[in-house]
Amino acid sequence: MTTHRRSEGPTIMEVARVAQVSRQTVSNALNAPERVRADTLKRVLAVIDELGYQPNRMARSLRTQSTRQIGYRLDPDRSDTASVLQDRFLHALTTAAESAGYLLLLFSAGQTTDELTRYADMLRTGSVDGFVLSGIDPGDPRPSWLAQRQAPFVCFGTPDPDGSAADMLTVDVDNARGAELVVDHLVARGHRNIAFLGWPPTSGPGETRKHGWQRAMRKHGFTPDRCVRALDSVSDSARAARQLLDEIPAPTAVVAASDTFAMGCYAAARQQGLEIGRDLAVVGFDDSPTAAVVSPALTSVRQPLDEVGRTVMRLLIGRLQEEPPTDTHVLLEPLLVVRESG
């Protein structure tokens, strides 16, 4: 007599039997863990791990009309930059999503129109439950496009500082406060001639950081009149930094809107024989891995990206479950990490 062994993995009923719970409890543990008592949830998840149970995502999607997937567009890959902000945010977001039982569906798109086409395709086919947006600048058409179609989404960034996005869910870092922390720190170190190196005016975070620098300079009684702009590359920011250093009198400190711009300041200073930390103080923003390993080590503003990822997912899951949000615009506090550069 021939015995046919089943090729499929363990079923949800087997998980329920071993965990000594109902099938519905196992389903709740996977799909709505908040409905399950903590001790029972722990036991069920342990059995799932022990048996290697893999839920049938397609079948579950058909039953619940949920894919448990979140769409996220990757920014284009760029060279000549020290920023890995997207990589760090993506890691934080992935961890937060998996903890909530979701997966990220990543895609790339060259132009905004291409991205909107991808959104339309995903909404039409039901590929995702919602979206996370990042790289938000004023006038960004994506939030309003999704809002008009009642698609669930959360922004990492502020679409419109004037308040026109009041009904959207946003999570952001207090960029202005970060720049103020930098100016306060430099003034305490004895600097008075403090310049700002930032992005073109179309950058939302860049303008907010510039406004923070201006506000802090005026608070200390100084005129914020030393500002230059550059594209987001080491080479172009080095050009802009040379423009600052050629002025008379030259600034003694530079608030750089990103660590990439800070690296441009390093290059420009060395071309003029200046020593960073002694002849010129430089402070960056984003606290990239480069900040800790470059010489001299770069003082930089750190964004709480793990907390950003968790908060984005909390707001998005609340929207997916149609729960009234307790907070719609979350602004998180940055941290100044002081090293050798200023």
C-alpha atoms as a PDB file:
ATOM      1  CA  MET A   1       0.000   0.000   0.000  1.00  0.00           C
ATOM      2  CA  THR A   2       1.422   3.366  -0.967  1.00  0.00           C
ATOM      3  CA  THR A   3       1.171   6.267   1.466  1.00  0.00           C
ATOM      4  CA  HIS A   4       0.987   9.725  -0.079  1.00  0.00           C
ATOM      5  CA  ARG A   5       2.546  12.357   2.127  1.00  0.00           C
ATOM      6  CA  ARG A   6       1.081  15.799   1.972  1.00  0.00           C
ATOM      7  CA  SER A   7       3.476  18.287   0.336  1.00  0.00           C
ATOM      8  CA  GLU A   8       1.818  21.373   1.815  1.00  0.00           C
ATOM      9  CA  GLY A   9       2.945  22.900   5.080  1.00  0.00           C
ATOM     10  CA  PRO A  10       0.949  22.907   8.321  1.00  0.00           C
ATOM     11  CA  THR A  11      -2.582  24.277   8.210  1.00  0.00           C
ATOM     12  CA  ILE A  12      -4.265  26.835  10.411  1.00  0.00           C
ATOM     13  CA  MET A  13      -6.293  24.006  11.971  1.00  0.00           C
ATOM     14  CA  GLU A  14      -3.091  22.231  13.031  1.00  0.00           C
ATOM     15  CA  VAL A  15      -1.828  25.440  14.611  1.00  0.00           C
ATOM     16  CA  ALA A  16      -5.125  25.766  16.479  1.00  0.00           C
ATOM     17  CA  ARG A  17      -4.975  22.158  17.681  1.00  0.00           C
ATOM     18  CA  VAL A  18      -1.383  22.386  18.966  1.00  0.00           C
ATOM     19  CA  ALA A  19      -1.985  25.777  20.593  1.00  0.00           C
ATOM     20  CA  GLN A  20      -5.281  24.512  22.039  1.00  0.00           C
ATOM     21  CA  VAL A  21      -7.271  27.431  20.708  1.00  0.00           C
ATOM     22  CA  SER A  22      -9.933  27.928  18.068  1.00  0.00           C
ATOM     23  CA  ARG A  23      -9.214  28.521  14.405  1.00  0.00           C
ATOM     24  CA  GLN A  24     -10.628  32.043  14.796  1.00  0.00           C
ATOM     25  CA  THR A  25      -8.138  32.795  17.579  1.00  0.00           C
ATOM     26  CA  VAL A  26      -5.270  31.846  15.273  1.00  0.00           C
ATOM     27  CA  SER A  27      -6.762  34.070  12.572  1.00  0.00           C
ATOM     28  CA  ASN A  28      -7.069  36.938  15.048  1.00  0.00           C
ATOM     29  CA  ALA A  29      -3.472  36.442  16.175  1.00  0.00           C
ATOM     30  CA  LEU A  30      -2.378  36.962  12.565  1.00  0.00           C
ATOM     31  CA  ASN A  31      -4.819  39.628  11.453  1.00  0.00           C
ATOM     32  CA  ALA A  32      -6.003  41.452  14.579  1.00  0.00           C
ATOM     33  CA  PRO A  33      -3.596  40.672  17.443  1.00  0.00           C
ATOM     34  CA  GLU A  34      -5.147  43.396  19.598  1.00  0.00           C
ATOM     35  CA  ARG A  35      -8.193  41.123  19.990  1.00  0.00           C
ATOM     36  CA  VAL A  36      -6.192  38.290  21.581  1.00  0.00           C
ATOM     37  CA  ARG A  37      -5.112  38.086  25.222  1.00  0.00           C
ATOM     38  CA  ALA A  38      -1.370  38.636  25.615  1.00  0.00           C
ATOM     39  CA  ASP A  39      -0.625  35.159  26.999  1.00  0.00           C
ATOM     40  CA  THR A  40      -2.727  33.457  24.339  1.00  0.00           C
ATOM     41  CA  LEU A  41      -1.148  35.548  21.578  1.00  0.00           C
ATOM     42  CA  LYS A  42       2.320  34.611  22.793  1.00  0.00           C
ATOM     43  CA  ARG A  43       1.403  30.885  22.801  1.00  0.00           C
ATOM     44  CA  VAL A  44      -0.161  30.983  19.329  1.00  0.00           C
ATOM     45  CA  LEU A  45       2.777  32.860  17.793  1.00  0.00           C
ATOM     46  CA  ALA A  46       5.204  30.387  19.368  1.00  0.00           C
ATOM     47  CA  VAL A  47       3.307  27.470  17.781  1.00  0.00           C
ATOM     48  CA  ILE A  48       3.214  29.254  14.420  1.00  0.00           C
ATOM     49  CA  ASP A  49       6.979  29.669  14.625  1.00  0.00           C
ATOM     50  CA  GLU A  50       7.524  26.092  15.788  1.00  0.00           C
ATOM     51  CA  LEU A  51       5.418  24.540  13.025  1.00  0.00           C
ATOM     52  CA  GLY A  52       6.596  26.962  10.359  1.00  0.00           C
ATOM     53  CA  TYR A  53       3.036  27.888   9.418  1.00  0.00           C
ATOM     54  CA  GLN A  54       2.777  30.284   6.471  1.00  0.00           C
ATOM     55  CA  PRO A  55      -0.660  31.865   5.975  1.00  0.00           C
ATOM     56  CA  ASN A  56      -2.055  31.805   2.466  1.00  0.00           C
ATOM     57  CA  ARG A  57      -1.874  35.501   1.640  1.00  0.00           C
ATOM     58  CA  MET A  58      -4.029  35.207  -1.464  1.00  0.00           C
ATOM     59  CA  ALA A  59      -6.810  33.323   0.302  1.00  0.00           C
ATOM     60  CA  ARG A  60      -6.697  35.726   3.225  1.00  0.00           C
ATOM     61  CA  SER A  61      -6.873  38.668   0.849  1.00  0.00           C
ATOM     62  CA  LEU A  62      -9.989  37.259  -0.794  1.00  0.00           C
ATOM     63  CA  ARG A  63     -11.674  36.753   2.579  1.00  0.00           C
ATOM     64  CA  THR A  64     -10.756  40.049   4.183  1.00  0.00           C
ATOM     65  CA  GLN A  65     -10.345  42.250   1.083  1.00  0.00           C
ATOM     66  CA  SER A  66      -6.920  43.076   2.523  1.00  0.00           C
ATOM     67  CA  THR A  67      -3.501  42.402   1.007  1.00  0.00           C
ATOM     68  CA  ARG A  68      -1.494  43.274   4.153  1.00  0.00           C
ATOM     69  CA  GLN A  69       0.846  45.127   1.790  1.00  0.00           C
ATOM     70  CA  ILE A  70       1.869  48.794   1.797  1.00  0.00           C
ATOM     71  CA  GLY A  71       3.141  50.543  -1.335  1.00  0.00           C
ATOM     72  CA  TYR A  72       6.308  52.649  -1.150  1.00  0.00           C
ATOM     73  CA  ARG A  73       8.204  54.273  -4.000  1.00  0.00           C
ATOM     74  CA  LEU A  74      11.990  54.185  -3.896  1.00  0.00           C
ATOM     75  CA  ASP A  75      13.747  57.430  -4.746  1.00  0.00           C
ATOM     76  CA  PRO A  76      16.157  57.285  -7.699  1.00  0.00           C
ATOM     77  CA  ASP A  77      19.656  56.111  -6.809  1.00  0.00           C
ATOM     78  CA  ARG A  78      22.126  58.993  -6.611  1.00  0.00           C
ATOM     79  CA  SER A  79      25.893  59.150  -6.556  1.00  0.00           C
ATOM     80  CA  ASP A  80      27.982  62.033  -5.175  1.00  0.00           C
ATOM     81  CA  THR A  81      25.929  62.200  -1.991  1.00  0.00           C
ATOM     82  CA  ALA A  82      26.563  61.284   1.627  1.00  0.00           C
ATOM     83  CA  SER A  83      22.866  60.867   2.404  1.00  0.00           C
ATOM     84  CA  VAL A  84      21.416  57.430   3.123  1.00  0.00           C
ATOM     85  CA  LEU A  85      18.284  58.844   4.731  1.00  0.00           C
ATOM     86  CA  GLN A  86      15.940  56.803   2.535  1.00  0.00           C
ATOM     87  CA  ASP A  87      17.815  53.576   3.331  1.00  0.00           C
ATOM     88  CA  ARG A  88      17.570  54.181   7.058  1.00  0.00           C
ATOM     89  CA  PHE A  89      13.917  55.186   6.861  1.00  0.00           C
ATOM     90  CA  LEU A  90      13.124  52.169   4.694  1.00  0.00           C
ATOM     91  CA  HIS A  91      14.717  49.863   7.256  1.00  0.00           C
ATOM     92  CA  ALA A  92      12.741  51.505  10.072  1.00  0.00           C
ATOM     93  CA  LEU A  93       9.503  51.366   8.085  1.00  0.00           C
ATOM     94  CA  THR A  94      10.019  47.716   7.116  1.00  0.00           C
ATOM     95  CA  THR A  95      10.598  46.736  10.736  1.00  0.00           C
ATOM     96  CA  ALA A  96       7.513  48.617  11.893  1.00  0.00           C
ATOM     97  CA  ALA A  97       5.383  47.152   9.103  1.00  0.00           C
ATOM     98  CA  GLU A  98       6.457  43.576   9.794  1.00  0.00           C
ATOM     99  CA  SER A  99       5.756  44.031  13.496  1.00  0.00           C
ATOM    100  CA  ALA A 100       2.195  44.965  12.526  1.00  0.00           C
ATOM    101  CA  GLY A 101       1.827  42.036  10.113  1.00  0.00           C
ATOM    102  CA  TYR A 102       2.355  44.006   6.905  1.00  0.00           C
ATOM    103  CA  LEU A 103       4.879  43.848   4.078  1.00  0.00           C
ATOM    104  CA  LEU A 104       6.216  46.699   1.953  1.00  0.00           C
ATOM    105  CA  LEU A 105       5.704  46.549  -1.789  1.00  0.00           C
ATOM    106  CA  LEU A 106       8.579  48.586  -3.225  1.00  0.00           C
ATOM    107  CA  PHE A 107       8.586  50.092  -6.685  1.00  0.00           C
ATOM    108  CA  SER A 108      10.531  52.698  -8.625  1.00  0.00           C
ATOM    109  CA  ALA A 109       9.292  55.510 -10.825  1.00  0.00           C
ATOM    110  CA  GLY A 110      11.280  58.119 -12.710  1.00  0.00           C
ATOM    111  CA  GLN A 111       8.849  61.027 -12.940  1.00  0.00           C
ATOM    112  CA  THR A 112       5.889  62.010 -10.769  1.00  0.00           C
ATOM    113  CA  THR A 113       3.518  61.139 -13.620  1.00  0.00           C
ATOM    114  CA  ASP A 114       5.019  57.642 -13.721  1.00  0.00           C
ATOM    115  CA  GLU A 115       4.499  57.312  -9.983  1.00  0.00           C
ATOM    116  CA  LEU A 116       0.851  58.362 -10.220  1.00  0.00           C
ATOM    117  CA  THR A 117       0.374  55.773 -12.955  1.00  0.00           C
ATOM    118  CA  ARG A 118       1.785  53.107 -10.640  1.00  0.00           C
ATOM    119  CA  TYR A 119      -0.569  54.232  -7.883  1.00  0.00           C
ATOM    120  CA  ALA A 120      -3.506  53.995 -10.276  1.00  0.00           C
ATOM    121  CA  ASP A 121      -2.486  50.468 -11.304  1.00  0.00           C
ATOM    122  CA  MET A 122      -2.165  49.336  -7.676  1.00  0.00           C
ATOM    123  CA  LEU A 123      -5.508  50.817  -6.701  1.00  0.00           C
ATOM    124  CA  ARG A 124      -7.226  49.248  -9.716  1.00  0.00           C
ATOM    125  CA  THR A 125      -5.779  45.784  -9.062  1.00  0.00           C
ATOM    126  CA  GLY A 126      -6.032  45.967  -5.258  1.00  0.00           C
ATOM    127  CA  SER A 127      -2.310  45.217  -4.883  1.00  0.00           C
ATOM    128  CA  VAL A 128      -1.895  47.204  -1.671  1.00  0.00           C
ATOM    129  CA  ASP A 129      -3.958  48.404   1.260  1.00  0.00           C
ATOM    130  CA  GLY A 130      -2.358  51.843   1.404  1.00  0.00           C
ATOM    131  CA  PHE A 131       0.723  53.927   0.718  1.00  0.00           C
ATOM    132  CA  VAL A 132       3.560  55.683   2.510  1.00  0.00           C
ATOM    133  CA  LEU A 133       4.942  58.815   0.847  1.00  0.00           C
ATOM    134  CA  SER A 134       8.305  60.436   1.524  1.00  0.00           C
ATOM    135  CA  GLY A 135      10.433  63.090  -0.146  1.00  0.00           C
ATOM    136  CA  ILE A 136       7.584  65.574   0.262  1.00  0.00           C
ATOM    137  CA  ASP A 137       8.010  69.120  -1.036  1.00  0.00           C
ATOM    138  CA  PRO A 138       5.467  71.990  -1.231  1.00  0.00           C
ATOM    139  CA  GLY A 139       3.117  71.528  -4.157  1.00  0.00           C
ATOM    140  CA  ASP A 140       3.748  67.777  -4.330  1.00  0.00           C
ATOM    141  CA  PRO A 141       0.738  66.440  -6.317  1.00  0.00           C
ATOM    142  CA  ARG A 142       0.820  62.923  -4.829  1.00  0.00           C
ATOM    143  CA  PRO A 143      -0.997  63.545  -1.505  1.00  0.00           C
ATOM    144  CA  SER A 144      -3.934  65.376  -3.096  1.00  0.00           C
ATOM    145  CA  TRP A 145      -4.115  62.802  -5.925  1.00  0.00           C
ATOM    146  CA  LEU A 146      -4.429  59.943  -3.414  1.00  0.00           C
ATOM    147  CA  ALA A 147      -6.784  61.912  -1.156  1.00  0.00           C
ATOM    148  CA  GLN A 148      -9.164  62.595  -4.065  1.00  0.00           C
ATOM    149  CA  ARG A 149      -9.377  58.836  -4.641  1.00  0.00           C
ATOM    150  CA  GLN A 150      -9.838  58.123  -0.919  1.00  0.00           C
ATOM    151  CA  ALA A 151      -6.738  55.938  -0.899  1.00  0.00           C
ATOM    152  CA  PRO A 152      -5.259  55.429   2.594  1.00  0.00           C
ATOM    153  CA  PHE A 153      -1.800  56.984   2.935  1.00  0.00           C
ATOM    154  CA  VAL A 154       0.550  58.688   5.393  1.00  0.00           C
ATOM    155  CA  CYS A 155       3.239  61.239   4.524  1.00  0.00           C
ATOM    156  CA  PHE A 156       6.719  61.312   6.002  1.00  0.00           C
ATOM    157  CA  GLY A 157       7.064  65.056   5.542  1.00  0.00           C
ATOM    158  CA  THR A 158       4.752  68.049   5.381  1.00  0.00           C
ATOM    159  CA  PRO A 159       3.001  68.523   2.004  1.00  0.00           C
ATOM    160  CA  ASP A 160       1.976  72.152   2.560  1.00  0.00           C
ATOM    161  CA  PRO A 161       3.192  74.134   5.584  1.00  0.00           C
ATOM    162  CA  ASP A 162       0.365  76.647   5.038  1.00  0.00           C
ATOM    163  CA  GLY A 163      -2.119  74.172   6.470  1.00  0.00           C
ATOM    164  CA  SER A 164      -3.903  73.180   3.260  1.00  0.00           C
ATOM    165  CA  ALA A 165      -3.148  69.522   4.051  1.00  0.00           C
ATOM    166  CA  ALA A 166      -4.970  69.656   7.388  1.00  0.00           C
ATOM    167  CA  ASP A 167      -7.042  66.556   6.664  1.00  0.00           C
ATOM    168  CA  MET A 168      -4.027  64.395   5.767  1.00  0.00           C
ATOM    169  CA  LEU A 169      -1.976  62.194   8.078  1.00  0.00           C
ATOM    170  CA  THR A 170       1.634  63.349   8.351  1.00  0.00           C
ATOM    171  CA  VAL A 171       4.711  62.506  10.375  1.00  0.00           C
ATOM    172  CA  ASP A 172       7.692  64.815  10.277  1.00  0.00           C
ATOM    173  CA  VAL A 173      10.816  65.783  12.161  1.00  0.00           C
ATOM    174  CA  ASP A 174      10.973  69.335  13.509  1.00  0.00           C
ATOM    175  CA  ASN A 175      13.514  70.554  10.960  1.00  0.00           C
ATOM    176  CA  ALA A 176      13.354  74.165  12.145  1.00  0.00           C
ATOM    177  CA  ARG A 177      14.073  73.068  15.697  1.00  0.00           C
ATOM    178  CA  GLY A 178      17.049  71.049  14.477  1.00  0.00           C
ATOM    179  CA  ALA A 179      18.581  74.119  12.829  1.00  0.00           C
ATOM    180  CA  GLU A 180      17.929  76.161  15.966  1.00  0.00           C
ATOM    181  CA  LEU A 181      19.801  73.571  18.032  1.00  0.00           C
ATOM    182  CA  VAL A 182      22.762  73.951  15.685  1.00  0.00           C
ATOM    183  CA  VAL A 183      22.844  77.763  15.928  1.00  0.00           C
ATOM    184  CA  ASP A 184      22.454  77.679  19.721  1.00  0.00           C
ATOM    185  CA  HIS A 185      25.371  75.250  19.905  1.00  0.00           C
ATOM    186  CA  LEU A 186      27.610  77.327  17.623  1.00  0.00           C
ATOM    187  CA  VAL A 187      26.826  80.567  19.449  1.00  0.00           C
ATOM    188  CA  ALA A 188      27.716  78.870  22.739  1.00  0.00           C
ATOM    189  CA  ARG A 189      31.065  77.963  21.128  1.00  0.00           C
ATOM    190  CA  GLY A 190      31.682  81.657  20.418  1.00  0.00           C
ATOM    191  CA  HIS A 191      30.644  81.917  16.764  1.00  0.00           C
ATOM    192  CA  ARG A 192      28.859  85.018  15.517  1.00  0.00           C
ATOM    193  CA  ASN A 193      29.300  84.862  11.736  1.00  0.00           C
ATOM    194  CA  ILE A 194      27.266  81.751  10.978  1.00  0.00           C
ATOM    195  CA  ALA A 195      26.274  80.983   7.363  1.00  0.00           C
ATOM    196  CA  PHE A 196      23.701  78.575   5.972  1.00  0.00           C
ATOM    197  CA  LEU A 197      24.176  76.209   3.027  1.00  0.00           C
ATOM    198  CA  GLY A 198      20.925  74.705   1.739  1.00  0.00           C
ATOM    199  CA  TRP A 199      18.881  73.354  -1.149  1.00  0.00           C
ATOM    200  CA  PRO A 200      17.016  75.445  -3.724  1.00  0.00           C
ATOM    201  CA  PRO A 201      13.783  77.062  -2.442  1.00  0.00           C
ATOM    202  CA  THR A 202      11.641  74.228  -3.838  1.00  0.00           C
ATOM    203  CA  SER A 203      12.838  71.924  -1.046  1.00  0.00           C
ATOM    204  CA  GLY A 204      10.345  71.754   1.815  1.00  0.00           C
ATOM    205  CA  PRO A 205      12.743  70.421   4.473  1.00  0.00           C
ATOM    206  CA  GLY A 206      15.485  72.744   3.218  1.00  0.00           C
ATOM    207  CA  GLU A 207      13.341  75.851   3.580  1.00  0.00           C
ATOM    208  CA  THR A 208      12.151  74.789   7.027  1.00  0.00           C
ATOM    209  CA  ARG A 209      15.751  74.293   8.168  1.00  0.00           C
ATOM    210  CA  LYS A 210      16.676  77.683   6.709  1.00  0.00           C
ATOM    211  CA  HIS A 211      13.827  79.324   8.607  1.00  0.00           C
ATOM    212  CA  GLY A 212      15.061  77.686  11.809  1.00  0.00           C
ATOM    213  CA  TRP A 213      18.554  79.085  11.192  1.00  0.00           C
ATOM    214  CA  GLN A 214      17.118  82.552  10.551  1.00  0.00           C
ATOM    215  CA  ARG A 215      14.942  82.458  13.655  1.00  0.00           C
ATOM    216  CA  ALA A 216      17.794  81.351  15.891  1.00  0.00           C
ATOM    217  CA  MET A 217      20.183  83.944  14.466  1.00  0.00           C
ATOM    218  CA  ARG A 218      17.696  86.734  15.158  1.00  0.00           C
ATOM    219  CA  LYS A 219      17.053  85.347  18.635  1.00  0.00           C
ATOM    220  CA  HIS A 220      20.759  85.798  19.387  1.00  0.00           C
ATOM    221  CA  GLY A 221      20.817  89.271  17.867  1.00  0.00           C
ATOM    222  CA  PHE A 222      22.587  88.421  14.586  1.00  0.00           C
ATOM    223  CA  THR A 223      21.557  89.134  11.016  1.00  0.00           C
ATOM    224  CA  PRO A 224      20.953  85.950   8.960  1.00  0.00           C
ATOM    225  CA  ASP A 225      22.351  87.279   5.689  1.00  0.00           C
ATOM    226  CA  ARG A 226      24.888  84.598   4.706  1.00  0.00           C
ATOM    227  CA  CYS A 227      22.920  81.977   2.795  1.00  0.00           C
ATOM    228  CA  VAL A 228      23.879  80.090  -0.368  1.00  0.00           C
ATOM    229  CA  ARG A 229      22.125  77.254  -2.151  1.00  0.00           C
ATOM    230  CA  ALA A 230      23.307  74.170  -3.987  1.00  0.00           C
ATOM    231  CA  LEU A 231      22.109  70.979  -5.626  1.00  0.00           C
ATOM    232  CA  ASP A 232      22.184  67.851  -3.472  1.00  0.00           C
ATOM    233  CA  SER A 233      25.709  66.715  -4.335  1.00  0.00           C
ATOM    234  CA  VAL A 234      29.152  67.006  -2.779  1.00  0.00           C
ATOM    235  CA  SER A 235      30.572  68.681  -5.880  1.00  0.00           C
ATOM    236  CA  ASP A 236      27.928  71.407  -6.182  1.00  0.00           C
ATOM    237  CA  SER A 237      27.842  72.079  -2.447  1.00  0.00           C
ATOM    238  CA  ALA A 238      31.656  72.421  -2.510  1.00  0.00           C
ATOM    239  CA  ARG A 239      31.226  75.092  -5.189  1.00  0.00           C
ATOM    240  CA  ALA A 240      28.667  76.930  -3.044  1.00  0.00           C
ATOM    241  CA  ALA A 241      30.838  76.600   0.057  1.00  0.00           C
ATOM    242  CA  ARG A 242      33.792  78.147  -1.799  1.00  0.00           C
ATOM    243  CA  GLN A 243      31.512  81.082  -2.599  1.00  0.00           C
ATOM    244  CA  LEU A 244      30.892  81.550   1.133  1.00  0.00           C
ATOM    245  CA  LEU A 245      34.542  81.218   2.080  1.00  0.00           C
ATOM    246  CA  ASP A 246      35.571  83.788  -0.541  1.00  0.00           C
ATOM    247  CA  GLU A 247      33.410  86.443   1.117  1.00  0.00           C
ATOM    248  CA  ILE A 248      35.013  89.099   3.324  1.00  0.00           C
ATOM    249  CA  PRO A 249      34.748  88.511   6.155  1.00  0.00           C
ATOM    250  CA  ALA A 250      34.356  84.783   5.670  1.00  0.00           C
ATOM    251  CA  PRO A 251      31.995  82.933   8.017  1.00  0.00           C
ATOM    252  CA  THR A 252      33.529  81.086  10.936  1.00  0.00           C
ATOM    253  CA  ALA A 253      30.778  78.453  10.953  1.00  0.00           C
ATOM    254  CA  VAL A 254      28.396  76.873   8.440  1.00  0.00           C
ATOM    255  CA  VAL A 255      25.050  75.245   9.130  1.00  0.00           C
ATOM    256  CA  ALA A 256      24.713  72.666   6.357  1.00  0.00           C
ATOM    257  CA  ALA A 257      21.195  71.483   5.480  1.00  0.00           C
ATOM    258  CA  SER A 258      22.472  67.917   4.991  1.00  0.00           C
ATOM    259  CA  ASP A 259      25.570  65.846   5.628  1.00  0.00           C
ATOM    260  CA  THR A 260      26.182  65.891   1.865  1.00  0.00           C
ATOM    261  CA  PHE A 261      26.454  69.685   2.038  1.00  0.00           C
ATOM    262  CA  ALA A 262      28.731  69.345   5.062  1.00  0.00           C
ATOM    263  CA  MET A 263      31.063  67.143   2.994  1.00  0.00           C
ATOM    264  CA  GLY A 264      31.068  69.869   0.342  1.00  0.00           C
ATOM    265  CA  CYS A 265      32.185  72.315   3.045  1.00  0.00           C
ATOM    266  CA  TYR A 266      34.980  69.926   4.045  1.00  0.00           C
ATOM    267  CA  ALA A 267      36.208  69.811   0.437  1.00  0.00           C
ATOM    268  CA  ALA A 268      36.050  73.588  -0.023  1.00  0.00           C
ATOM    269  CA  ALA A 269      37.796  74.290   3.287  1.00  0.00           C
ATOM    270  CA  ARG A 270      40.653  71.931   2.517  1.00  0.00           C
ATOM    271  CA  GLN A 271      41.144  73.530  -0.909  1.00  0.00           C
ATOM    272  CA  GLN A 272      41.713  76.816   0.927  1.00  0.00           C
ATOM    273  CA  GLY A 273      43.994  75.290   3.554  1.00  0.00           C
ATOM    274  CA  LEU A 274      41.447  75.623   6.362  1.00  0.00           C
ATOM    275  CA  GLU A 275      41.148  73.066   9.134  1.00  0.00           C
ATOM    276  CA  ILE A 276      37.634  71.923   9.951  1.00  0.00           C
ATOM    277  CA  GLY A 277      36.909  72.334  13.646  1.00  0.00           C
ATOM    278  CA  ARG A 278      39.665  74.907  14.136  1.00  0.00           C
ATOM    279  CA  ASP A 279      39.397  77.462  11.309  1.00  0.00           C
ATOM    280  CA  LEU A 280      35.842  76.628  10.273  1.00  0.00           C
ATOM    281  CA  ALA A 281      33.051  74.925  12.198  1.00  0.00           C
ATOM    282  CA  VAL A 282      30.707  72.785  10.118  1.00  0.00           C
ATOM    283  CA  VAL A 283      27.502  71.121  11.324  1.00  0.00           C
ATOM    284  CA  GLY A 284      25.436  68.798   9.134  1.00  0.00           C
ATOM    285  CA  PHE A 285      21.937  67.377   9.221  1.00  0.00           C
ATOM    286  CA  ASP A 286      20.689  63.735   9.179  1.00  0.00           C
ATOM    287  CA  ASP A 287      23.644  62.188  11.068  1.00  0.00           C
ATOM    288  CA  SER A 288      24.520  59.778   8.262  1.00  0.00           C
ATOM    289  CA  PRO A 289      27.056  56.969   8.844  1.00  0.00           C
ATOM    290  CA  THR A 290      29.618  59.230   7.148  1.00  0.00           C
ATOM    291  CA  ALA A 291      29.352  61.709  10.032  1.00  0.00           C
ATOM    292  CA  ALA A 292      30.957  59.367  12.549  1.00  0.00           C
ATOM    293  CA  VAL A 293      33.793  58.080  10.334  1.00  0.00           C
ATOM    294  CA  VAL A 294      34.917  61.199   8.456  1.00  0.00           C
ATOM    295  CA  SER A 295      37.887  63.096   9.882  1.00  0.00           C
ATOM    296  CA  PRO A 296      37.291  65.226  11.826  1.00  0.00           C
ATOM    297  CA  ALA A 297      34.036  63.563  12.895  1.00  0.00           C
ATOM    298  CA  LEU A 298      31.018  65.612  11.861  1.00  0.00           C
ATOM    299  CA  THR A 299      28.621  67.218  14.327  1.00  0.00           C
ATOM    300  CA  SER A 300      25.155  66.581  12.897  1.00  0.00           C
ATOM    301  CA  VAL A 301      21.435  66.610  13.662  1.00  0.00           C
ATOM    302  CA  ARG A 302      19.958  63.125  14.054  1.00  0.00           C
ATOM    303  CA  GLN A 303      16.417  62.339  12.939  1.00  0.00           C
ATOM    304  CA  PRO A 304      14.535  59.728  15.038  1.00  0.00           C
ATOM    305  CA  LEU A 305      13.811  57.504  12.048  1.00  0.00           C
ATOM    306  CA  ASP A 306      12.849  54.421  14.071  1.00  0.00           C
ATOM    307  CA  GLU A 307      10.179  56.461  15.787  1.00  0.00           C
ATOM    308  CA  VAL A 308       9.136  57.942  12.444  1.00  0.00           C
ATOM    309  CA  GLY A 309       8.648  54.449  11.001  1.00  0.00           C
ATOM    310  CA  ARG A 310       6.604  53.254  13.969  1.00  0.00           C
ATOM    311  CA  THR A 311       4.435  56.375  13.973  1.00  0.00           C
ATOM    312  CA  VAL A 312       3.805  56.235  10.219  1.00  0.00           C
ATOM    313  CA  MET A 313       2.619  52.636  10.500  1.00  0.00           C
ATOM    314  CA  ARG A 314       0.482  53.373  13.564  1.00  0.00           C
ATOM    315  CA  LEU A 315      -1.337  56.175  11.743  1.00  0.00           C
ATOM    316  CA  LEU A 316      -1.723  54.158   8.553  1.00  0.00           C
ATOM    317  CA  ILE A 317      -3.112  51.087  10.312  1.00  0.00           C
ATOM    318  CA  GLY A 318      -5.547  53.319  12.168  1.00  0.00           C
ATOM    319  CA  ARG A 319      -6.708  54.764   8.853  1.00  0.00           C
ATOM    320  CA  LEU A 320      -7.032  51.275   7.337  1.00  0.00           C
ATOM    321  CA  GLN A 321      -9.163  50.165  10.276  1.00  0.00           C
ATOM    322  CA  GLU A 322     -11.244  53.342   9.960  1.00  0.00           C
ATOM    323  CA  GLU A 323     -10.415  54.445  13.480  1.00  0.00           C
ATOM    324  CA  PRO A 324     -10.700  58.181  14.219  1.00  0.00           C
ATOM    325  CA  PRO A 325      -7.103  59.433  14.540  1.00  0.00           C
ATOM    326  CA  THR A 326      -6.037  60.820  17.902  1.00  0.00           C
ATOM    327  CA  ASP A 327      -3.278  62.790  16.176  1.00  0.00           C
ATOM    328  CA  THR A 328      -3.089  63.682  12.498  1.00  0.00           C
ATOM    329  CA  HIS A 329       0.153  65.689  12.335  1.00  0.00           C
ATOM    330  CA  VAL A 330       2.989  64.278  14.438  1.00  0.00           C
ATOM    331  CA  LEU A 331       6.135  66.392  14.791  1.00  0.00           C
ATOM    332  CA  LEU A 332       9.104  64.570  16.330  1.00  0.00           C
ATOM    333  CA  GLU A 333      12.076  66.133  18.082  1.00  0.00           C
ATOM    334  CA  PRO A 334      15.575  65.871  16.522  1.00  0.00           C
ATOM    335  CA  LEU A 335      18.822  65.440  18.457  1.00  0.00           C
ATOM    336  CA  LEU A 336      22.116  67.285  17.988  1.00  0.00           C
ATOM    337  CA  VAL A 337      25.041  64.845  18.050  1.00  0.00           C
ATOM    338  CA  VAL A 338      28.178  66.826  18.907  1.00  0.00           C
ATOM    339  CA  ARG A 339      31.514  65.618  17.506  1.00  0.00           C
ATOM    340  CA  GLU A 340      34.743  67.302  16.402  1.00  0.00           C
ATOM    341  CA  SER A 341      33.740  69.520  13.449  1.00  0.00           C
ATOM    342  CA  GLY A 342      32.113  72.287  15.435  1.00  0.00           C
END
